[in-house]
Structure formats: structure tokens, C-alpha cells
Amino acid sequence: MKSSRRRRAVLGVAPLLACLLLAGCGLDEAEQTVADEVRTALSNGDDDTDAQDLADCTAERWVGEAGLEALRKDGLVEGDTANVGNVRATADGERSVSEPVARAYAEARVSCLDYDAASTDVRAALPDASAETRDDYADCLREISDDLREDAITQRLRGQGDAQPVTRLEQQEQRCLQQARG
């Protein structure tokens, strides 16, 4: 009897965990609308499936983590609509935001990264490379700590593009690229 009760409890928790892990399941209607607009801003017209998936995941997690009020305070949301220009400028590091909004973006972005060898970034960095070389490059990028990535992205979005974490991340990414180029 006890094992079947535990099994039911585990089965009952599984959908909740899946929902929490999937971006957007906890967003209300207003947040989802803003997340959809943020996704459009982050994808910047890129039709590539990998870029769309990254933009979608990042947008939903960013909006969910930061919340509409914080995004409004930082000028990323006006009323119930995303300010697409400010979102793009922020994501590009051209416009600074508060620490909580920057950290929420960094955590969302890093949690959504997928350095699959078929990704747009890997193909763009190594356009003529073999699949094996791209895989090695992607593996090297995966080895860079998420904490460093989050710190670097947060600093960049805070207007501190020359901060130590940003420099360290750039150095590690360049090292990976140099190794891949041989």
C-alpha cells in the first residue's frame, strides 16, 4: 500500500515539475502577451529555428522571473505592452537596466542556451568547419561555467561591459574558437 501511495504522489508531482521547468506555464495572460512581444524583440526577425527557440525560452523565463512591474520600472514594458526598442537595446547591452532585471535576463538566457553543434552561433562562428569541429567547439562552450555567463551578462546589461566577468567570458569563448580553428 505504501509504495502505491508514494508512486501516486510522485506521479502527481511530475506534471507540476514539468510545468515549472517549461517556460511560460506560470505566466498569466498579461505576462504571456508581454513575453510574446519580448520574444519578437529578442529574435529580431531571425527565422532560424534555434534562434526562435532561444528567444521564446528567454522571453518567457525573463518575464516570469523579473515580473511586469520591474520591467515597467526599467522601461521595458509600457502599460501592458513591451517596448520592443528598449528590449532589443537592453539585450544588446546598449541600454542598462536594474540589477534584478539584468540578473533575471541573465538567468533566463543561460538556462535557455543550447550549444548544439547545429546552432546558429556555432555555424556562424565556424561556417566551413566539419561537424566534428563544431561539436568540439560546442563542447568547449558548454564547459564555461553558468555562473560566469550569468555574471557577465548581468554586468553587460548593467552598463558595465568592461567588468571582469565580461572580459573573462569573452576570453574563454575566444579560447574555444581558437581551439576549434586549430
C-alpha atoms as a PDB file:
ATOM      1  CA  MET A   1       0.000   0.000   0.000  1.00  0.00           C
ATOM      2  CA  LYS A   2       2.697   2.487   0.960  1.00  0.00           C
ATOM      3  CA  SER A   3       4.597   2.049  -2.307  1.00  0.00           C
ATOM      4  CA  SER A   4       1.481   2.731  -4.406  1.00  0.00           C
ATOM      5  CA  ARG A   5       0.798   5.877  -2.362  1.00  0.00           C
ATOM      6  CA  ARG A   6       4.350   7.066  -2.959  1.00  0.00           C
ATOM      7  CA  ARG A   7       4.038   6.275  -6.644  1.00  0.00           C
ATOM      8  CA  ARG A   8       0.804   8.317  -6.852  1.00  0.00           C
ATOM      9  CA  ALA A   9       2.495  11.187  -5.006  1.00  0.00           C
ATOM     10  CA  VAL A  10       5.434  11.089  -7.412  1.00  0.00           C
ATOM     11  CA  LEU A  11       3.092  10.894 -10.394  1.00  0.00           C
ATOM     12  CA  GLY A  12       1.104  13.816  -9.019  1.00  0.00           C
ATOM     13  CA  VAL A  13       4.233  15.945  -8.621  1.00  0.00           C
ATOM     14  CA  ALA A  14       5.604  15.115 -12.077  1.00  0.00           C
ATOM     15  CA  PRO A  15       3.217  17.379 -14.030  1.00  0.00           C
ATOM     16  CA  LEU A  16       3.921  20.245 -11.634  1.00  0.00           C
ATOM     17  CA  LEU A  17       7.664  19.830 -12.054  1.00  0.00           C
ATOM     18  CA  ALA A  18       7.288  19.611 -15.816  1.00  0.00           C
ATOM     19  CA  CYS A  19       5.217  22.778 -15.766  1.00  0.00           C
ATOM     20  CA  LEU A  20       7.788  24.606 -13.656  1.00  0.00           C
ATOM     21  CA  LEU A  21      10.591  23.526 -15.959  1.00  0.00           C
ATOM     22  CA  LEU A  22       8.768  24.559 -19.106  1.00  0.00           C
ATOM     23  CA  ALA A  23       8.866  28.271 -19.768  1.00  0.00           C
ATOM     24  CA  GLY A  24       5.591  30.084 -19.608  1.00  0.00           C
ATOM     25  CA  CYS A  25       3.389  27.659 -17.733  1.00  0.00           C
ATOM     26  CA  GLY A  26       3.166  30.040 -14.790  1.00  0.00           C
ATOM     27  CA  LEU A  27       2.570  33.236 -16.762  1.00  0.00           C
ATOM     28  CA  ASP A  28      -0.791  34.911 -16.570  1.00  0.00           C
ATOM     29  CA  GLU A  29      -2.427  36.324 -19.696  1.00  0.00           C
ATOM     30  CA  ALA A  30      -0.830  39.786 -19.427  1.00  0.00           C
ATOM     31  CA  GLU A  31       2.624  38.303 -18.782  1.00  0.00           C
ATOM     32  CA  GLN A  32       2.240  35.896 -21.702  1.00  0.00           C
ATOM     33  CA  THR A  33       1.289  38.751 -24.033  1.00  0.00           C
ATOM     34  CA  VAL A  34       4.381  40.709 -22.978  1.00  0.00           C
ATOM     35  CA  ALA A  35       6.563  37.582 -23.246  1.00  0.00           C
ATOM     36  CA  ASP A  36       5.337  37.067 -26.817  1.00  0.00           C
ATOM     37  CA  GLU A  37       6.300  40.649 -27.680  1.00  0.00           C
ATOM     38  CA  VAL A  38       9.657  40.288 -25.919  1.00  0.00           C
ATOM     39  CA  ARG A  39      10.283  37.092 -27.923  1.00  0.00           C
ATOM     40  CA  THR A  40       9.719  39.039 -31.137  1.00  0.00           C
ATOM     41  CA  ALA A  41      12.171  41.707 -29.957  1.00  0.00           C
ATOM     42  CA  LEU A  42      14.801  39.147 -28.935  1.00  0.00           C
ATOM     43  CA  SER A  43      14.564  37.164 -32.172  1.00  0.00           C
ATOM     44  CA  ASN A  44      14.980  40.395 -34.141  1.00  0.00           C
ATOM     45  CA  GLY A  45      13.481  38.868 -37.260  1.00  0.00           C
ATOM     46  CA  ASP A  46      15.756  35.814 -37.291  1.00  0.00           C
ATOM     47  CA  ASP A  47      13.811  32.940 -38.871  1.00  0.00           C
ATOM     48  CA  ASP A  48      16.289  30.270 -37.724  1.00  0.00           C
ATOM     49  CA  THR A  49      14.561  27.694 -35.517  1.00  0.00           C
ATOM     50  CA  ASP A  50      17.388  27.689 -32.937  1.00  0.00           C
ATOM     51  CA  ALA A  51      17.248  31.493 -32.644  1.00  0.00           C
ATOM     52  CA  GLN A  52      13.462  31.421 -32.323  1.00  0.00           C
ATOM     53  CA  ASP A  53      13.600  28.727 -29.632  1.00  0.00           C
ATOM     54  CA  LEU A  54      16.223  30.669 -27.655  1.00  0.00           C
ATOM     55  CA  ALA A  55      14.235  33.907 -27.940  1.00  0.00           C
ATOM     56  CA  ASP A  56      10.992  32.177 -26.902  1.00  0.00           C
ATOM     57  CA  CYS A  57      12.519  30.430 -23.904  1.00  0.00           C
ATOM     58  CA  THR A  58      14.435  33.521 -22.773  1.00  0.00           C
ATOM     59  CA  ALA A  59      11.430  35.831 -23.127  1.00  0.00           C
ATOM     60  CA  GLU A  60       9.080  33.666 -21.108  1.00  0.00           C
ATOM     61  CA  ARG A  61      11.552  32.963 -18.351  1.00  0.00           C
ATOM     62  CA  TRP A  62      12.703  36.604 -18.193  1.00  0.00           C
ATOM     63  CA  VAL A  63       9.171  37.965 -17.917  1.00  0.00           C
ATOM     64  CA  GLY A  64       8.238  35.272 -15.403  1.00  0.00           C
ATOM     65  CA  GLU A  65      11.297  35.843 -13.241  1.00  0.00           C
ATOM     66  CA  ALA A  66      11.524  39.648 -13.385  1.00  0.00           C
ATOM     67  CA  GLY A  67       7.791  40.338 -13.331  1.00  0.00           C
ATOM     68  CA  LEU A  68       5.903  43.031 -15.202  1.00  0.00           C
ATOM     69  CA  GLU A  69       6.305  45.703 -12.522  1.00  0.00           C
ATOM     70  CA  ALA A  70      10.122  45.528 -12.551  1.00  0.00           C
ATOM     71  CA  LEU A  71      10.119  45.501 -16.363  1.00  0.00           C
ATOM     72  CA  ARG A  72       7.869  48.585 -16.333  1.00  0.00           C
ATOM     73  CA  LYS A  73      10.181  50.410 -13.900  1.00  0.00           C
ATOM     74  CA  ASP A  74      13.086  49.778 -16.254  1.00  0.00           C
ATOM     75  CA  GLY A  75      11.143  50.987 -19.312  1.00  0.00           C
ATOM     76  CA  LEU A  76      10.909  47.595 -20.984  1.00  0.00           C
ATOM     77  CA  VAL A  77       7.135  47.446 -20.639  1.00  0.00           C
ATOM     78  CA  GLU A  78       4.738  50.342 -21.063  1.00  0.00           C
ATOM     79  CA  GLY A  79       1.267  49.590 -19.767  1.00  0.00           C
ATOM     80  CA  ASP A  80       0.612  46.061 -20.987  1.00  0.00           C
ATOM     81  CA  THR A  81       2.930  46.186 -23.990  1.00  0.00           C
ATOM     82  CA  ALA A  82       6.638  45.503 -24.348  1.00  0.00           C
ATOM     83  CA  ASN A  83       8.753  48.398 -25.569  1.00  0.00           C
ATOM     84  CA  VAL A  84      10.429  46.435 -28.358  1.00  0.00           C
ATOM     85  CA  GLY A  85      13.145  49.025 -28.984  1.00  0.00           C
ATOM     86  CA  ASN A  86      14.164  49.130 -25.326  1.00  0.00           C
ATOM     87  CA  VAL A  87      14.074  45.326 -25.073  1.00  0.00           C
ATOM     88  CA  ARG A  88      16.389  44.983 -28.098  1.00  0.00           C
ATOM     89  CA  ALA A  89      18.727  47.710 -26.828  1.00  0.00           C
ATOM     90  CA  THR A  90      18.864  46.069 -23.405  1.00  0.00           C
ATOM     91  CA  ALA A  91      19.530  42.571 -24.773  1.00  0.00           C
ATOM     92  CA  ASP A  92      22.271  44.023 -26.982  1.00  0.00           C
ATOM     93  CA  GLY A  93      23.888  45.698 -23.962  1.00  0.00           C
ATOM     94  CA  GLU A  94      23.203  49.170 -25.347  1.00  0.00           C
ATOM     95  CA  ARG A  95      20.804  50.181 -22.567  1.00  0.00           C
ATOM     96  CA  SER A  96      21.288  49.439 -18.880  1.00  0.00           C
ATOM     97  CA  VAL A  97      18.651  48.119 -16.507  1.00  0.00           C
ATOM     98  CA  SER A  98      18.375  47.452 -12.773  1.00  0.00           C
ATOM     99  CA  GLU A  99      20.252  44.602 -11.123  1.00  0.00           C
ATOM    100  CA  PRO A 100      17.146  42.399 -10.608  1.00  0.00           C
ATOM    101  CA  VAL A 101      16.003  42.763 -14.229  1.00  0.00           C
ATOM    102  CA  ALA A 102      19.538  42.213 -15.543  1.00  0.00           C
ATOM    103  CA  ARG A 103      20.005  39.140 -13.336  1.00  0.00           C
ATOM    104  CA  ALA A 104      16.603  37.737 -14.368  1.00  0.00           C
ATOM    105  CA  TYR A 105      17.565  38.124 -18.033  1.00  0.00           C
ATOM    106  CA  ALA A 106      20.972  36.531 -17.445  1.00  0.00           C
ATOM    107  CA  GLU A 107      19.498  33.561 -15.616  1.00  0.00           C
ATOM    108  CA  ALA A 108      16.815  33.126 -18.274  1.00  0.00           C
ATOM    109  CA  ARG A 109      19.280  33.376 -21.140  1.00  0.00           C
ATOM    110  CA  VAL A 110      21.789  30.965 -19.624  1.00  0.00           C
ATOM    111  CA  SER A 111      19.109  28.435 -18.696  1.00  0.00           C
ATOM    112  CA  CYS A 112      17.884  28.501 -22.304  1.00  0.00           C
ATOM    113  CA  LEU A 113      21.274  28.234 -24.059  1.00  0.00           C
ATOM    114  CA  ASP A 114      21.771  25.175 -26.214  1.00  0.00           C
ATOM    115  CA  TYR A 115      25.218  24.861 -27.714  1.00  0.00           C
ATOM    116  CA  ASP A 116      24.205  22.116 -30.069  1.00  0.00           C
ATOM    117  CA  ALA A 117      26.666  21.931 -32.942  1.00  0.00           C
ATOM    118  CA  ALA A 118      23.809  22.773 -35.311  1.00  0.00           C
ATOM    119  CA  SER A 119      23.042  26.051 -33.539  1.00  0.00           C
ATOM    120  CA  THR A 120      23.187  29.328 -35.412  1.00  0.00           C
ATOM    121  CA  ASP A 121      26.024  30.722 -33.273  1.00  0.00           C
ATOM    122  CA  VAL A 122      28.253  27.699 -33.813  1.00  0.00           C
ATOM    123  CA  ARG A 123      27.572  27.633 -37.563  1.00  0.00           C
ATOM    124  CA  ALA A 124      28.208  31.381 -37.830  1.00  0.00           C
ATOM    125  CA  ALA A 125      31.487  31.155 -35.906  1.00  0.00           C
ATOM    126  CA  LEU A 126      32.742  28.191 -37.942  1.00  0.00           C
ATOM    127  CA  PRO A 127      30.953  28.297 -41.315  1.00  0.00           C
ATOM    128  CA  ASP A 128      33.322  25.941 -43.167  1.00  0.00           C
ATOM    129  CA  ALA A 129      34.109  23.591 -40.274  1.00  0.00           C
ATOM    130  CA  SER A 130      33.313  19.914 -40.120  1.00  0.00           C
ATOM    131  CA  ALA A 131      30.532  18.628 -37.879  1.00  0.00           C
ATOM    132  CA  GLU A 132      33.182  17.167 -35.550  1.00  0.00           C
ATOM    133  CA  THR A 133      34.930  20.545 -35.206  1.00  0.00           C
ATOM    134  CA  ARG A 134      31.618  22.236 -34.482  1.00  0.00           C
ATOM    135  CA  ASP A 135      30.838  19.588 -31.863  1.00  0.00           C
ATOM    136  CA  ASP A 136      34.219  20.192 -30.200  1.00  0.00           C
ATOM    137  CA  TYR A 137      33.570  23.934 -30.194  1.00  0.00           C
ATOM    138  CA  ALA A 138      30.106  23.447 -28.712  1.00  0.00           C
ATOM    139  CA  ASP A 139      31.560  21.128 -26.050  1.00  0.00           C
ATOM    140  CA  CYS A 140      34.151  23.752 -25.118  1.00  0.00           C
ATOM    141  CA  LEU A 141      31.446  26.424 -24.819  1.00  0.00           C
ATOM    142  CA  ARG A 142      29.388  24.113 -22.596  1.00  0.00           C
ATOM    143  CA  GLU A 143      32.339  23.819 -20.211  1.00  0.00           C
ATOM    144  CA  ILE A 144      32.233  27.544 -19.406  1.00  0.00           C
ATOM    145  CA  SER A 145      30.530  27.974 -16.063  1.00  0.00           C
ATOM    146  CA  ASP A 146      26.926  29.125 -15.980  1.00  0.00           C
ATOM    147  CA  ASP A 147      27.806  31.391 -13.047  1.00  0.00           C
ATOM    148  CA  LEU A 148      30.406  33.200 -15.151  1.00  0.00           C
ATOM    149  CA  ARG A 149      27.939  33.548 -18.024  1.00  0.00           C
ATOM    150  CA  GLU A 150      25.237  34.916 -15.723  1.00  0.00           C
ATOM    151  CA  ASP A 151      27.646  37.352 -14.066  1.00  0.00           C
ATOM    152  CA  ALA A 152      28.956  38.576 -17.421  1.00  0.00           C
ATOM    153  CA  ILE A 153      25.501  39.038 -18.921  1.00  0.00           C
ATOM    154  CA  THR A 154      24.279  40.805 -15.779  1.00  0.00           C
ATOM    155  CA  GLN A 155      27.255  43.173 -15.809  1.00  0.00           C
ATOM    156  CA  ARG A 156      26.809  43.912 -19.503  1.00  0.00           C
ATOM    157  CA  LEU A 157      23.109  44.696 -19.001  1.00  0.00           C
ATOM    158  CA  ARG A 158      24.038  46.932 -16.071  1.00  0.00           C
ATOM    159  CA  GLY A 159      26.182  49.015 -18.435  1.00  0.00           C
ATOM    160  CA  GLN A 160      29.453  47.531 -17.215  1.00  0.00           C
ATOM    161  CA  GLY A 161      30.679  45.857 -20.388  1.00  0.00           C
ATOM    162  CA  ASP A 162      34.294  46.163 -19.287  1.00  0.00           C
ATOM    163  CA  ALA A 163      33.749  44.375 -15.951  1.00  0.00           C
ATOM    164  CA  GLN A 164      35.954  41.409 -15.118  1.00  0.00           C
ATOM    165  CA  PRO A 165      33.277  38.710 -15.682  1.00  0.00           C
ATOM    166  CA  VAL A 166      32.551  40.088 -19.167  1.00  0.00           C
ATOM    167  CA  THR A 167      36.246  40.059 -20.050  1.00  0.00           C
ATOM    168  CA  ARG A 168      36.752  36.548 -18.639  1.00  0.00           C
ATOM    169  CA  LEU A 169      33.773  35.186 -20.571  1.00  0.00           C
ATOM    170  CA  GLU A 170      34.977  36.752 -23.810  1.00  0.00           C
ATOM    171  CA  GLN A 171      38.460  35.283 -23.247  1.00  0.00           C
ATOM    172  CA  GLN A 172      37.077  31.807 -22.617  1.00  0.00           C
ATOM    173  CA  GLU A 173      34.808  31.960 -25.668  1.00  0.00           C
ATOM    174  CA  GLN A 174      37.736  33.133 -27.810  1.00  0.00           C
ATOM    175  CA  ARG A 175      39.875  30.294 -26.463  1.00  0.00           C
ATOM    176  CA  CYS A 176      37.180  27.823 -27.549  1.00  0.00           C
ATOM    177  CA  LEU A 177      37.010  29.397 -31.002  1.00  0.00           C
ATOM    178  CA  GLN A 178      40.803  29.338 -31.400  1.00  0.00           C
ATOM    179  CA  GLN A 179      40.937  25.682 -30.364  1.00  0.00           C
ATOM    180  CA  ALA A 180      38.246  24.843 -32.893  1.00  0.00           C
ATOM    181  CA  ARG A 181      40.010  26.710 -35.678  1.00  0.00           C
ATOM    182  CA  GLY A 182      43.208  24.864 -34.792  1.00  0.00           C
END
